Amino acid sequence: MDEYGVCPDCNKPNTGIAWCNKCDPGKFLKEGKTSGNPEMDKLIYDLQHKTERYDYNLEWIPYDRFQDIKPIGEGGFANIFSATWLDGEPIYSIVKQRTGPVIVALKKLKNSDNMEAFINEVKIFKLFYFNLFILIIICFIVY
């Protein structure tokens, strides 16, 4: 067994901790868990190709994986909510595991005209504050 584990899809050694760069990037699209926004899906897909481990991965989280959603504030182009993420954050392990339910922050876009600014915020946030990214989940919901 490889130090990073074995990919359950291709049965080859993972390229990173619990991460197979051949099988994992874009898996959300193959499973029909798209954001509904091609720009957002491309951003997630592209960043997943740069991922080196499962617990440092930007992922799309479907809305139905959140409970107890409550408004907590408003930003320049998004409303901010508190919620319980049912699956929880990924755990550093050679197999894909999660913490279980965890409280997170969500952002809901006020309109789709702000998508470019929002995507830029995600890129900057992911580059500079990645360790906090797991704790502040950004939900890309456009209405």
Foldseek 3Di string as FASTA:
>chain_A
DDPQAAAPPPRHQAQANQHRLVPPQPVCVVVVNDLPDPVVSVLQSVQQNVDRHDQLHQDADDPVQWPPWAFDAADDFWTKTKTWRQQAGFDRHSHTHHDGIDIEMETEGAAPVCVVVVSVVVVVCSVPPSVCCSRHDYHYHHD
